[in-house]
């Protein structure tokens, strides 16, 4: 009985899942009311949450995704033994 092997281990997938959640949270933090010509100028587009916090959260999510992909697996896979 042969077992299918995936490229990433369970720990890698958990790290990637957390990274995806961080990226989604970062984009939600960026969301807010838009500036329209009819409604006038919306000063909230320059809030610290939208221009400082949200990009840092997104960037940390993208960095964590790379870490999750490159994190070494503790399982020793011998490709020569089949």
PDB file of N, CA and C in Angstrom:
ATOM      1  N   UNK A   1       0.839  -1.160   0.000  1.00  0.00           N
ATOM      2  CA  UNK A   1       0.000   0.000   0.000  1.00  0.00           C
ATOM      3  C   UNK A   1       0.899   1.244   0.000  1.00  0.00           C
ATOM      4  N   UNK A   2       0.809   2.036  -1.046  1.00  0.00           N
ATOM      5  CA  UNK A   2       1.645   3.230  -1.120  1.00  0.00           C
ATOM      6  C   UNK A   2       0.901   4.417  -0.512  1.00  0.00           C
ATOM      7  N   UNK A   3       1.645   5.269   0.138  1.00  0.00           N
ATOM      8  CA  UNK A   3       1.064   6.416   0.810  1.00  0.00           C
ATOM      9  C   UNK A   3       1.425   7.676   0.035  1.00  0.00           C
ATOM     10  N   UNK A   4       0.434   8.521  -0.207  1.00  0.00           N
ATOM     11  CA  UNK A   4       0.695   9.782  -0.893  1.00  0.00           C
ATOM     12  C   UNK A   4       1.453  10.712   0.039  1.00  0.00           C
ATOM     13  N   UNK A   5       2.452  11.339  -0.486  1.00  0.00           N
ATOM     14  CA  UNK A   5       3.266  12.256   0.296  1.00  0.00           C
ATOM     15  C   UNK A   5       3.087  13.665  -0.265  1.00  0.00           C
ATOM     16  N   UNK A   6       2.816  14.618   0.632  1.00  0.00           N
ATOM     17  CA  UNK A   6       2.722  15.995   0.178  1.00  0.00           C
ATOM     18  C   UNK A   6       4.030  16.703   0.479  1.00  0.00           C
ATOM     19  N   UNK A   7       4.245  17.802  -0.192  1.00  0.00           N
ATOM     20  CA  UNK A   7       5.531  18.494  -0.094  1.00  0.00           C
ATOM     21  C   UNK A   7       5.755  19.134   1.275  1.00  0.00           C
ATOM     22  N   UNK A   8       4.687  19.593   1.919  1.00  0.00           N
ATOM     23  CA  UNK A   8       4.830  20.287   3.195  1.00  0.00           C
ATOM     24  C   UNK A   8       4.292  19.426   4.333  1.00  0.00           C
ATOM     25  N   UNK A   9       4.945  19.525   5.476  1.00  0.00           N
ATOM     26  CA  UNK A   9       4.491  18.765   6.644  1.00  0.00           C
ATOM     27  C   UNK A   9       3.328  19.485   7.320  1.00  0.00           C
ATOM     28  N   UNK A  10       2.786  18.867   8.341  1.00  0.00           N
ATOM     29  CA  UNK A  10       1.646  19.447   9.065  1.00  0.00           C
ATOM     30  C   UNK A  10       2.034  20.780   9.698  1.00  0.00           C
ATOM     31  N   UNK A  11       3.222  20.859  10.268  1.00  0.00           N
ATOM     32  CA  UNK A  11       3.688  22.096  10.897  1.00  0.00           C
ATOM     33  C   UNK A  11       3.802  23.220   9.865  1.00  0.00           C
ATOM     34  N   UNK A  12       4.315  22.904   8.675  1.00  0.00           N
ATOM     35  CA  UNK A  12       4.416  23.897   7.608  1.00  0.00           C
ATOM     36  C   UNK A  12       3.035  24.420   7.212  1.00  0.00           C
ATOM     37  N   UNK A  13       2.064  23.520   7.118  1.00  0.00           N
ATOM     38  CA  UNK A  13       0.722  23.920   6.725  1.00  0.00           C
ATOM     39  C   UNK A  13       0.058  24.785   7.792  1.00  0.00           C
ATOM     40  N   UNK A  14       0.329  24.509   9.058  1.00  0.00           N
ATOM     41  CA  UNK A  14      -0.221  25.330  10.140  1.00  0.00           C
ATOM     42  C   UNK A  14       0.374  26.740  10.078  1.00  0.00           C
ATOM     43  N   UNK A  15       1.676  26.833   9.858  1.00  0.00           N
ATOM     44  CA  UNK A  15       2.329  28.144   9.741  1.00  0.00           C
ATOM     45  C   UNK A  15       1.769  28.905   8.550  1.00  0.00           C
ATOM     46  N   UNK A  16       1.573  28.230   7.428  1.00  0.00           N
ATOM     47  CA  UNK A  16       1.008  28.892   6.241  1.00  0.00           C
ATOM     48  C   UNK A  16      -0.430  29.330   6.496  1.00  0.00           C
ATOM     49  N   UNK A  17      -1.201  28.555   7.234  1.00  0.00           N
ATOM     50  CA  UNK A  17      -2.568  28.934   7.570  1.00  0.00           C
ATOM     51  C   UNK A  17      -2.617  30.180   8.433  1.00  0.00           C
ATOM     52  N   UNK A  18      -1.720  30.262   9.408  1.00  0.00           N
ATOM     53  CA  UNK A  18      -1.639  31.453  10.257  1.00  0.00           C
ATOM     54  C   UNK A  18      -1.237  32.665   9.420  1.00  0.00           C
ATOM     55  N   UNK A  19      -0.325  32.459   8.469  1.00  0.00           N
ATOM     56  CA  UNK A  19       0.100  33.549   7.596  1.00  0.00           C
ATOM     57  C   UNK A  19      -1.062  34.059   6.748  1.00  0.00           C
ATOM     58  N   UNK A  20      -1.876  33.159   6.235  1.00  0.00           N
ATOM     59  CA  UNK A  20      -3.033  33.571   5.434  1.00  0.00           C
ATOM     60  C   UNK A  20      -4.007  34.380   6.291  1.00  0.00           C
ATOM     61  N   UNK A  21      -4.223  33.945   7.537  1.00  0.00           N
ATOM     62  CA  UNK A  21      -5.100  34.699   8.435  1.00  0.00           C
ATOM     63  C   UNK A  21      -4.546  36.095   8.716  1.00  0.00           C
ATOM     64  N   UNK A  22      -3.227  36.211   8.899  1.00  0.00           N
ATOM     65  CA  UNK A  22      -2.614  37.525   9.122  1.00  0.00           C
ATOM     66  C   UNK A  22      -2.799  38.438   7.911  1.00  0.00           C
ATOM     67  N   UNK A  23      -2.647  37.893   6.727  1.00  0.00           N
ATOM     68  CA  UNK A  23      -2.819  38.686   5.508  1.00  0.00           C
ATOM     69  C   UNK A  23      -4.262  39.170   5.394  1.00  0.00           C
ATOM     70  N   UNK A  24      -5.220  38.291   5.685  1.00  0.00           N
ATOM     71  CA  UNK A  24      -6.628  38.679   5.624  1.00  0.00           C
ATOM     72  C   UNK A  24      -6.935  39.762   6.654  1.00  0.00           C
ATOM     73  N   UNK A  25      -6.407  39.608   7.881  1.00  0.00           N
ATOM     74  CA  UNK A  25      -6.621  40.623   8.919  1.00  0.00           C
ATOM     75  C   UNK A  25      -6.020  41.957   8.482  1.00  0.00           C
ATOM     76  N   UNK A  26      -4.859  41.928   7.859  1.00  0.00           N
ATOM     77  CA  UNK A  26      -4.234  43.162   7.376  1.00  0.00           C
ATOM     78  C   UNK A  26      -5.081  43.870   6.336  1.00  0.00           C
ATOM     79  N   UNK A  27      -5.667  43.111   5.411  1.00  0.00           N
ATOM     80  CA  UNK A  27      -6.514  43.733   4.403  1.00  0.00           C
ATOM     81  C   UNK A  27      -7.821  44.251   4.999  1.00  0.00           C
ATOM     82  N   UNK A  28      -8.347  43.567   6.005  1.00  0.00           N
ATOM     83  CA  UNK A  28      -9.556  44.054   6.677  1.00  0.00           C
ATOM     84  C   UNK A  28      -9.248  45.358   7.421  1.00  0.00           C
ATOM     85  N   UNK A  29      -8.048  45.441   8.021  1.00  0.00           N
ATOM     86  CA  UNK A  29      -7.664  46.683   8.697  1.00  0.00           C
ATOM     87  C   UNK A  29      -7.521  47.843   7.718  1.00  0.00           C
ATOM     88  N   UNK A  30      -7.150  47.557   6.475  1.00  0.00           N
ATOM     89  CA  UNK A  30      -7.033  48.606   5.463  1.00  0.00           C
ATOM     90  C   UNK A  30      -8.385  49.094   4.967  1.00  0.00           C
ATOM     91  N   UNK A  31      -9.410  48.277   5.122  1.00  0.00           N
ATOM     92  CA  UNK A  31     -10.731  48.633   4.600  1.00  0.00           C
ATOM     93  C   UNK A  31     -11.322  49.784   5.399  1.00  0.00           C
ATOM     94  N   UNK A  32     -12.184  50.515   4.754  1.00  0.00           N
ATOM     95  CA  UNK A  32     -12.856  51.627   5.414  1.00  0.00           C
ATOM     96  C   UNK A  32     -13.595  52.446   4.388  1.00  0.00           C
ATOM     97  N   UNK A  33     -14.129  53.564   4.814  1.00  0.00           N
ATOM     98  CA  UNK A  33     -14.882  54.399   3.875  1.00  0.00           C
ATOM     99  C   UNK A  33     -13.966  55.007   2.821  1.00  0.00           C
ATOM    100  N   UNK A  34     -14.471  55.062   1.615  1.00  0.00           N
ATOM    101  CA  UNK A  34     -13.703  55.625   0.506  1.00  0.00           C
ATOM    102  C   UNK A  34     -13.984  57.118   0.384  1.00  0.00           C
ATOM    103  N   UNK A  35     -13.060  57.820  -0.208  1.00  0.00           N
ATOM    104  CA  UNK A  35     -13.263  59.230  -0.478  1.00  0.00           C
ATOM    105  C   UNK A  35     -13.992  59.363  -1.806  1.00  0.00           C
ATOM    106  N   UNK A  36     -15.101  60.041  -1.786  1.00  0.00           N
ATOM    107  CA  UNK A  36     -15.862  60.258  -3.015  1.00  0.00           C
ATOM    108  C   UNK A  36     -15.938  61.744  -3.298  1.00  0.00           C
ATOM    109  N   UNK A  37     -16.168  62.072  -4.540  1.00  0.00           N
ATOM    110  CA  UNK A  37     -16.258  63.484  -4.914  1.00  0.00           C
ATOM    111  C   UNK A  37     -17.528  64.122  -4.353  1.00  0.00           C
ATOM    112  N   UNK A  38     -18.633  63.368  -4.310  1.00  0.00           N
ATOM    113  CA  UNK A  38     -19.886  63.926  -3.820  1.00  0.00           C
ATOM    114  C   UNK A  38     -19.852  64.103  -2.298  1.00  0.00           C
ATOM    115  N   UNK A  39     -19.255  63.148  -1.615  1.00  0.00           N
ATOM    116  CA  UNK A  39     -19.279  63.156  -0.152  1.00  0.00           C
ATOM    117  C   UNK A  39     -18.242  64.048   0.479  1.00  0.00           C
ATOM    118  N   UNK A  40     -17.339  64.580  -0.286  1.00  0.00           N
ATOM    119  CA  UNK A  40     -16.287  65.412   0.276  1.00  0.00           C
ATOM    120  C   UNK A  40     -15.080  64.578   0.661  1.00  0.00           C
ATOM    121  N   UNK A  41     -14.144  65.212   1.320  1.00  0.00           N
ATOM    122  CA  UNK A  41     -12.896  64.558   1.695  1.00  0.00           C
ATOM    123  C   UNK A  41     -13.078  63.763   2.979  1.00  0.00           C
ATOM    124  N   UNK A  42     -12.630  62.531   2.967  1.00  0.00           N
ATOM    125  CA  UNK A  42     -12.709  61.652   4.143  1.00  0.00           C
ATOM    126  C   UNK A  42     -11.314  61.559   4.758  1.00  0.00           C
ATOM    127  N   UNK A  43     -11.128  62.162   5.922  1.00  0.00           N
ATOM    128  CA  UNK A  43      -9.807  62.198   6.564  1.00  0.00           C
ATOM    129  C   UNK A  43      -9.398  60.849   7.128  1.00  0.00           C
ATOM    130  N   UNK A  44     -10.331  59.903   7.250  1.00  0.00           N
ATOM    131  CA  UNK A  44     -10.027  58.587   7.820  1.00  0.00           C
ATOM    132  C   UNK A  44      -9.078  57.779   6.939  1.00  0.00           C
ATOM    133  N   UNK A  45      -8.906  58.171   5.687  1.00  0.00           N
ATOM    134  CA  UNK A  45      -7.995  57.402   4.827  1.00  0.00           C
ATOM    135  C   UNK A  45      -6.545  57.550   5.272  1.00  0.00           C
ATOM    136  N   UNK A  46      -6.264  58.551   6.075  1.00  0.00           N
ATOM    137  CA  UNK A  46      -4.902  58.754   6.568  1.00  0.00           C
ATOM    138  C   UNK A  46      -4.735  58.335   8.024  1.00  0.00           C
ATOM    139  N   UNK A  47      -5.623  57.494   8.538  1.00  0.00           N
ATOM    140  CA  UNK A  47      -5.505  57.062   9.931  1.00  0.00           C
ATOM    141  C   UNK A  47      -4.304  56.134  10.096  1.00  0.00           C
ATOM    142  N   UNK A  48      -3.779  56.085  11.293  1.00  0.00           N
ATOM    143  CA  UNK A  48      -2.603  55.246  11.570  1.00  0.00           C
ATOM    144  C   UNK A  48      -2.909  53.773  11.347  1.00  0.00           C
ATOM    145  N   UNK A  49      -4.147  53.379  11.585  1.00  0.00           N
ATOM    146  CA  UNK A  49      -4.534  51.972  11.375  1.00  0.00           C
ATOM    147  C   UNK A  49      -4.401  51.589   9.904  1.00  0.00           C
ATOM    148  N   UNK A  50      -4.767  52.501   9.008  1.00  0.00           N
ATOM    149  CA  UNK A  50      -4.781  52.181   7.579  1.00  0.00           C
ATOM    150  C   UNK A  50      -3.423  52.353   6.905  1.00  0.00           C
ATOM    151  N   UNK A  51      -2.581  53.262   7.384  1.00  0.00           N
ATOM    152  CA  UNK A  51      -1.317  53.493   6.682  1.00  0.00           C
ATOM    153  C   UNK A  51      -0.095  52.976   7.430  1.00  0.00           C
ATOM    154  N   UNK A  52      -0.253  52.571   8.674  1.00  0.00           N
ATOM    155  CA  UNK A  52       0.890  52.037   9.424  1.00  0.00           C
ATOM    156  C   UNK A  52       0.658  50.607   9.887  1.00  0.00           C
ATOM    157  N   UNK A  53      -0.414  50.373  10.621  1.00  0.00           N
ATOM    158  CA  UNK A  53      -0.658  49.067  11.223  1.00  0.00           C
ATOM    159  C   UNK A  53      -0.984  47.997  10.178  1.00  0.00           C
ATOM    160  N   UNK A  54      -1.913  48.293   9.282  1.00  0.00           N
ATOM    161  CA  UNK A  54      -2.362  47.295   8.298  1.00  0.00           C
ATOM    162  C   UNK A  54      -1.233  46.821   7.371  1.00  0.00           C
ATOM    163  N   UNK A  55      -0.407  47.710   6.825  1.00  0.00           N
ATOM    164  CA  UNK A  55       0.694  47.207   5.986  1.00  0.00           C
ATOM    165  C   UNK A  55       1.708  46.357   6.754  1.00  0.00           C
ATOM    166  N   UNK A  56       1.949  46.689   8.017  1.00  0.00           N
ATOM    167  CA  UNK A  56       2.884  45.894   8.824  1.00  0.00           C
ATOM    168  C   UNK A  56       2.309  44.503   9.068  1.00  0.00           C
ATOM    169  N   UNK A  57       0.999  44.431   9.340  1.00  0.00           N
ATOM    170  CA  UNK A  57       0.361  43.135   9.563  1.00  0.00           C
ATOM    171  C   UNK A  57       0.407  42.301   8.281  1.00  0.00           C
ATOM    172  N   UNK A  58       0.114  42.924   7.130  1.00  0.00           N
ATOM    173  CA  UNK A  58       0.171  42.200   5.851  1.00  0.00           C
ATOM    174  C   UNK A  58       1.592  41.725   5.551  1.00  0.00           C
ATOM    175  N   UNK A  59       2.562  42.598   5.736  1.00  0.00           N
ATOM    176  CA  UNK A  59       3.946  42.230   5.458  1.00  0.00           C
ATOM    177  C   UNK A  59       4.394  41.086   6.361  1.00  0.00           C
ATOM    178  N   UNK A  60       4.006  41.118   7.635  1.00  0.00           N
ATOM    179  CA  UNK A  60       4.379  40.020   8.528  1.00  0.00           C
ATOM    180  C   UNK A  60       3.714  38.720   8.084  1.00  0.00           C
ATOM    181  N   UNK A  61       2.510  38.796   7.541  1.00  0.00           N
ATOM    182  CA  UNK A  61       1.853  37.606   7.012  1.00  0.00           C
ATOM    183  C   UNK A  61       2.588  37.037   5.814  1.00  0.00           C
ATOM    184  N   UNK A  62       3.039  37.907   4.910  1.00  0.00           N
ATOM    185  CA  UNK A  62       3.786  37.436   3.742  1.00  0.00           C
ATOM    186  C   UNK A  62       5.138  36.840   4.138  1.00  0.00           C
ATOM    187  N   UNK A  63       5.805  37.454   5.109  1.00  0.00           N
ATOM    188  CA  UNK A  63       7.087  36.917   5.588  1.00  0.00           C
ATOM    189  C   UNK A  63       6.868  35.567   6.265  1.00  0.00           C
ATOM    190  N   UNK A  64       5.804  35.460   7.064  1.00  0.00           N
ATOM    191  CA  UNK A  64       5.499  34.201   7.739  1.00  0.00           C
ATOM    192  C   UNK A  64       5.154  33.107   6.724  1.00  0.00           C
ATOM    193  N   UNK A  65       4.552  33.478   5.602  1.00  0.00           N
ATOM    194  CA  UNK A  65       4.256  32.499   4.549  1.00  0.00           C
ATOM    195  C   UNK A  65       5.553  31.919   3.982  1.00  0.00           C
ATOM    196  N   UNK A  66       6.542  32.766   3.746  1.00  0.00           N
ATOM    197  CA  UNK A  66       7.837  32.280   3.250  1.00  0.00           C
ATOM    198  C   UNK A  66       8.490  31.381   4.291  1.00  0.00           C
ATOM    199  N   UNK A  67       8.418  31.775   5.554  1.00  0.00           N
ATOM    200  CA  UNK A  67       8.978  30.952   6.630  1.00  0.00           C
ATOM    201  C   UNK A  67       8.264  29.603   6.681  1.00  0.00           C
ATOM    202  N   UNK A  68       6.952  29.618   6.535  1.00  0.00           N
ATOM    203  CA  UNK A  68       6.179  28.380   6.567  1.00  0.00           C
ATOM    204  C   UNK A  68       6.538  27.436   5.433  1.00  0.00           C
ATOM    205  N   UNK A  69       6.841  27.985   4.283  1.00  0.00           N
ATOM    206  CA  UNK A  69       7.217  27.142   3.145  1.00  0.00           C
ATOM    207  C   UNK A  69       8.632  26.603   3.307  1.00  0.00           C
ATOM    208  N   UNK A  70       9.534  27.426   3.810  1.00  0.00           N
ATOM    209  CA  UNK A  70      10.943  27.028   3.893  1.00  0.00           C
ATOM    210  C   UNK A  70      11.314  26.351   5.211  1.00  0.00           C
ATOM    211  N   UNK A  71      10.399  26.304   6.173  1.00  0.00           N
ATOM    212  CA  UNK A  71      10.693  25.697   7.474  1.00  0.00           C
ATOM    213  C   UNK A  71      11.050  24.224   7.278  1.00  0.00           C
ATOM    214  N   UNK A  72      12.183  23.792   7.823  1.00  0.00           N
ATOM    215  CA  UNK A  72      12.597  22.399   7.598  1.00  0.00           C
ATOM    216  C   UNK A  72      11.710  21.402   8.325  1.00  0.00           C
ATOM    217  N   UNK A  73      11.421  20.327   7.661  1.00  0.00           N
ATOM    218  CA  UNK A  73      10.605  19.270   8.232  1.00  0.00           C
ATOM    219  C   UNK A  73      11.483  18.344   9.053  1.00  0.00           C
ATOM    220  N   UNK A  74      10.975  17.870  10.198  1.00  0.00           N
ATOM    221  CA  UNK A  74      11.759  16.959  11.032  1.00  0.00           C
ATOM    222  C   UNK A  74      11.731  15.536  10.488  1.00  0.00           C
ATOM    223  N   UNK A  75      10.783  15.271   9.613  1.00  0.00           N
ATOM    224  CA  UNK A  75      10.707  13.934   9.005  1.00  0.00           C
ATOM    225  C   UNK A  75      11.827  13.792   7.977  1.00  0.00           C
ATOM    226  N   UNK A  76      12.507  12.663   8.021  1.00  0.00           N
ATOM    227  CA  UNK A  76      13.562  12.425   7.045  1.00  0.00           C
ATOM    228  C   UNK A  76      12.980  11.599   5.919  1.00  0.00           C
ATOM    229  N   UNK A  77      12.853  12.235   4.768  1.00  0.00           N
ATOM    230  CA  UNK A  77      12.308  11.554   3.605  1.00  0.00           C
ATOM    231  C   UNK A  77      13.454  11.019   2.751  1.00  0.00           C
ATOM    232  N   UNK A  78      13.472   9.737   2.555  1.00  0.00           N
ATOM    233  CA  UNK A  78      14.460   9.122   1.670  1.00  0.00           C
ATOM    234  C   UNK A  78      13.789   8.849   0.343  1.00  0.00           C
ATOM    235  N   UNK A  79      14.132   9.621  -0.662  1.00  0.00           N
ATOM    236  CA  UNK A  79      13.513   9.420  -1.959  1.00  0.00           C
ATOM    237  C   UNK A  79      14.082   8.202  -2.683  1.00  0.00           C
ATOM    238  N   UNK A  80      15.217   7.687  -2.222  1.00  0.00           N
ATOM    239  CA  UNK A  80      15.813   6.529  -2.869  1.00  0.00           C
ATOM    240  C   UNK A  80      15.099   5.229  -2.476  1.00  0.00           C
ATOM    241  N   UNK A  81      14.427   5.242  -1.319  1.00  0.00           N
ATOM    242  CA  UNK A  81      13.701   4.045  -0.885  1.00  0.00           C
ATOM    243  C   UNK A  81      12.257   4.143  -1.314  1.00  0.00           C
ATOM    244  N   UNK A  82      11.849   3.307  -2.242  1.00  0.00           N
ATOM    245  CA  UNK A  82      10.455   3.301  -2.719  1.00  0.00           C
ATOM    246  C   UNK A  82       9.879   1.933  -2.629  1.00  0.00           C
TER     247      UNK A  82
END
